[in-house]
Amino acid sequence: MLRKRWTKALVFGLSLLPVCWLAWRYWHDDLTANPIEYITHFTGDWTIRFLVFTLAITPLRKVLQQPDLIRFRRMIGLFAFFYGFLHFSTYFGVDKFFDWREIWGDVAKRPYITMGFTGFVLMIPLAVTSTTGWIRRLGGKRWNLLHRLVYASAIAGVIHYYWLVKSDIRQPLLYAFLVAILLGYRAVASLLNRRPAAPPVRAVAR
């Protein structure tokens, strides 16, 4: 079923639901008393969620024995960048009105903004090189190495969220737990793959 074309369209449509919900609330003037803060937090939450979804593809395709899940990883990763772009565009354009002096001051003085900005910047080369043409240019090995930046971006996003929250840290801790599990899975799988294979047992001639 995962090989069928409509499954990609379904995943694409589901990935657009959060921004459609945001547009619906905007249309009905229902963005709370502080719309900028609501939009910033909403898009930030979905950025981390899509990063988690992206990291979950590889373990799920092996655990569930569904190798065709790989078809959706690039799309989901691009949606992580899309929501990250909306998140920082709201901060840059709507909140700060592109006052770069104030923005750079925030980046330098507020650690959670520094960490969040770092996570977003790390996603830019991933989005740029997500096309088939870039995979051919870089070669599979270099492309895979570059796209491991998603690990650092996810970690930076979790730290950004944790440092931002002042009281209820349950959500950032949940995302931290999920990212730790997904990266830990990769670390264990990498170690197991590096173990030398056991020598073949030879029959002893009588």
Protein backbone atom coordinates (compact mmCIF):
# COMPACT_ATOMS: atom_id res chain seq x y z
CA MET A 1 0.00 0.00 0.00
CA LEU A 2 2.86 2.42 0.81
CA ARG A 3 4.05 2.21 -2.80
CA LYS A 4 0.85 3.74 -4.17
CA ARG A 5 0.98 7.33 -5.37
CA TRP A 6 -1.96 8.49 -3.30
CA THR A 7 -0.11 7.70 -0.06
CA LYS A 8 2.35 10.53 -0.72
CA ALA A 9 -0.51 12.90 -1.43
CA LEU A 10 -2.14 11.78 1.81
CA VAL A 11 1.02 12.42 3.85
CA PHE A 12 1.42 15.80 2.12
CA GLY A 13 -2.16 16.76 2.97
CA LEU A 14 -1.83 15.64 6.59
CA SER A 15 1.39 17.63 6.93
CA LEU A 16 -0.45 20.77 5.83
CA LEU A 17 -3.18 20.39 8.44
CA PRO A 18 -1.37 22.40 11.16
CA VAL A 19 -0.86 25.45 8.94
CA CYS A 20 -4.45 25.12 7.67
CA TRP A 21 -5.66 25.09 11.28
CA LEU A 22 -3.56 28.18 11.97
CA ALA A 23 -5.05 29.93 8.93
CA TRP A 24 -8.54 28.94 10.07
CA ARG A 25 -7.99 30.46 13.51
CA TYR A 26 -6.54 33.60 11.91
CA TRP A 27 -9.56 33.91 9.61
CA HIS A 28 -11.89 33.64 12.61
CA ASP A 29 -9.80 36.04 14.71
CA ASP A 30 -9.09 33.29 17.22
CA LEU A 31 -5.35 33.55 17.80
CA THR A 32 -5.66 34.32 21.55
CA ALA A 33 -4.91 37.66 23.19
CA ASN A 34 -1.30 37.52 21.98
CA PRO A 35 -1.40 36.33 18.33
CA ILE A 36 2.34 36.72 17.67
CA GLU A 37 3.27 34.61 20.67
CA TYR A 38 0.66 31.99 19.77
CA ILE A 39 1.86 31.69 16.14
CA THR A 40 5.51 31.59 17.22
CA HIS A 41 4.90 28.80 19.74
CA PHE A 42 2.52 26.88 17.44
CA THR A 43 4.96 26.79 14.51
CA GLY A 44 7.87 26.02 16.85
CA ASP A 45 6.02 23.03 18.30
CA TRP A 46 5.33 21.65 14.85
CA THR A 47 8.93 22.17 13.78
CA ILE A 48 10.13 19.89 16.57
CA ARG A 49 7.34 17.39 15.89
CA PHE A 50 8.29 17.09 12.24
CA LEU A 51 11.94 16.70 13.17
CA VAL A 52 10.90 13.82 15.43
CA PHE A 53 8.76 12.35 12.63
CA THR A 54 11.76 12.56 10.28
CA LEU A 55 14.06 10.82 12.75
CA ALA A 56 11.43 8.14 13.38
CA ILE A 57 11.26 6.99 9.74
CA THR A 58 14.44 4.87 9.81
CA PRO A 59 13.65 2.96 13.04
CA LEU A 60 10.01 2.44 12.05
CA ARG A 61 10.82 1.07 8.61
CA LYS A 62 13.07 -1.54 10.23
CA VAL A 63 10.95 -2.36 13.26
CA LEU A 64 7.73 -2.56 11.23
CA GLN A 65 9.53 -4.14 8.26
CA GLN A 66 8.17 -1.44 5.97
CA PRO A 67 11.13 -0.28 3.85
CA ASP A 68 8.83 1.84 1.68
CA LEU A 69 8.45 4.33 4.54
CA ILE A 70 11.69 5.86 3.25
CA ARG A 71 9.62 7.45 0.47
CA PHE A 72 8.19 9.92 2.97
CA ARG A 73 11.35 10.94 4.85
CA ARG A 74 12.42 13.70 2.49
CA MET A 75 8.93 15.23 2.38
CA ILE A 76 8.54 15.16 6.15
CA GLY A 77 11.99 16.67 6.58
CA LEU A 78 11.04 19.51 4.22
CA PHE A 79 7.91 20.14 6.26
CA ALA A 80 10.12 20.42 9.36
CA PHE A 81 12.03 23.16 7.54
CA PHE A 82 8.76 24.74 6.36
CA TYR A 83 7.41 25.08 9.90
CA GLY A 84 10.82 26.21 11.13
CA PHE A 85 10.79 28.89 8.43
CA LEU A 86 7.33 30.04 9.55
CA HIS A 87 8.52 30.03 13.16
CA PHE A 88 11.50 32.29 12.54
CA SER A 89 9.72 34.41 9.93
CA THR A 90 7.14 35.27 12.58
CA TYR A 91 9.92 36.27 14.96
CA PHE A 92 11.98 38.19 12.36
CA GLY A 93 9.20 39.89 10.43
CA VAL A 94 6.12 40.16 12.63
CA ASP A 95 7.68 40.45 16.08
CA LYS A 96 10.90 42.34 15.30
CA PHE A 97 9.96 43.98 11.96
CA PHE A 98 13.35 42.94 10.55
CA ASP A 99 15.21 45.13 13.02
CA TRP A 100 18.48 43.24 12.53
CA ARG A 101 20.30 45.11 15.27
CA GLU A 102 17.69 44.01 17.82
CA ILE A 103 17.57 40.51 16.35
CA TRP A 104 21.34 40.00 16.55
CA GLY A 105 21.25 41.43 20.05
CA ASP A 106 18.69 38.79 21.03
CA VAL A 107 20.73 36.04 19.37
CA ALA A 108 23.82 37.14 21.29
CA LYS A 109 22.18 37.75 24.68
CA ARG A 110 19.44 35.11 24.94
CA PRO A 111 20.78 31.54 24.87
CA TYR A 112 17.45 29.98 23.88
CA ILE A 113 17.25 32.20 20.78
CA THR A 114 20.89 31.41 19.94
CA MET A 115 20.17 27.69 20.16
CA GLY A 116 16.95 27.92 18.17
CA PHE A 117 18.58 30.01 15.47
CA THR A 118 21.44 27.49 15.27
CA GLY A 119 18.98 24.64 14.82
CA PHE A 120 17.20 26.49 12.01
CA VAL A 121 20.45 27.40 10.22
CA LEU A 122 21.47 23.73 10.31
CA MET A 123 18.25 22.84 8.48
CA ILE A 124 18.96 25.20 5.57
CA PRO A 125 21.60 23.02 3.82
CA LEU A 126 19.34 20.00 4.36
CA ALA A 127 16.45 21.71 2.59
CA VAL A 128 18.66 23.04 -0.23
CA THR A 129 20.24 19.64 -0.95
CA SER A 130 17.05 17.61 -0.66
CA THR A 131 16.56 17.28 -4.42
CA THR A 132 17.56 14.28 -6.53
CA GLY A 133 20.00 16.49 -8.43
CA TRP A 134 21.92 17.34 -5.26
CA ILE A 135 22.02 13.68 -4.25
CA ARG A 136 23.71 12.94 -7.60
CA ARG A 137 26.12 15.88 -7.25
CA LEU A 138 27.21 15.02 -3.73
CA GLY A 139 27.11 11.27 -4.11
CA GLY A 140 25.21 9.03 -1.74
CA LYS A 141 27.94 8.86 0.91
CA ARG A 142 28.59 12.61 1.19
CA TRP A 143 24.88 13.38 0.99
CA ASN A 144 24.12 11.00 3.85
CA LEU A 145 26.95 12.50 5.89
CA LEU A 146 25.65 16.04 5.31
CA HIS A 147 22.10 15.08 6.22
CA ARG A 148 23.22 13.88 9.62
CA LEU A 149 22.98 17.56 10.51
CA VAL A 150 19.34 16.76 11.24
CA TYR A 151 20.57 15.12 14.47
CA ALA A 152 22.22 18.33 15.63
CA SER A 153 19.21 20.38 14.51
CA ALA A 154 16.82 18.20 16.55
CA ILE A 155 19.05 18.44 19.64
CA ALA A 156 19.31 22.22 19.24
CA GLY A 157 15.52 22.45 18.87
CA VAL A 158 14.93 20.51 22.07
CA ILE A 159 17.42 22.64 24.02
CA HIS A 160 15.86 25.79 22.57
CA TYR A 161 12.43 24.66 23.77
CA TYR A 162 13.70 23.63 27.20
CA TRP A 163 15.47 26.94 27.79
CA LEU A 164 12.45 28.89 26.53
CA VAL A 165 9.94 27.26 28.90
CA LYS A 166 10.00 28.81 32.35
CA SER A 167 7.63 26.62 34.35
CA ASP A 168 6.02 23.56 32.75
CA ILE A 169 8.87 21.59 31.19
CA ARG A 170 6.91 18.41 30.47
CA GLN A 171 6.64 18.96 26.72
CA PRO A 172 10.32 19.78 26.10
CA LEU A 173 11.29 16.79 28.24
CA LEU A 174 8.97 14.58 26.17
CA TYR A 175 10.63 15.74 22.94
CA ALA A 176 14.06 15.31 24.54
CA PHE A 177 13.13 11.73 25.46
CA LEU A 178 11.90 10.95 21.94
CA VAL A 179 14.99 12.44 20.28
CA ALA A 180 17.25 10.57 22.71
CA ILE A 181 15.50 7.26 21.93
CA LEU A 182 15.69 7.81 18.16
CA LEU A 183 19.35 8.85 18.21
CA GLY A 184 20.19 6.08 20.67
CA TYR A 185 18.66 3.55 18.29
CA ARG A 186 20.96 4.80 15.53
CA ALA A 187 24.01 4.65 17.79
CA VAL A 188 23.30 1.06 18.81
CA ALA A 189 22.57 0.02 15.22
CA SER A 190 25.82 1.63 14.06
CA LEU A 191 27.83 -0.20 16.73
CA LEU A 192 26.23 -3.54 15.84
CA ASN A 193 26.98 -3.01 12.15
CA ARG A 194 30.65 -2.34 12.93
CA ARG A 195 31.11 -5.57 14.87
CA PRO A 196 33.18 -8.06 12.89
CA ALA A 197 31.25 -11.02 11.64
CA ALA A 198 31.92 -14.32 13.37
CA PRO A 199 34.23 -16.62 11.36
CA PRO A 200 32.45 -19.50 9.67
CA VAL A 201 32.52 -22.77 11.55
CA ARG A 202 34.45 -25.39 9.60
CA ALA A 203 33.62 -29.01 9.85
CA VAL A 204 36.44 -31.04 11.40
CA ALA A 205 37.38 -33.98 9.25
CA ARG A 206 37.56 -37.25 11.02
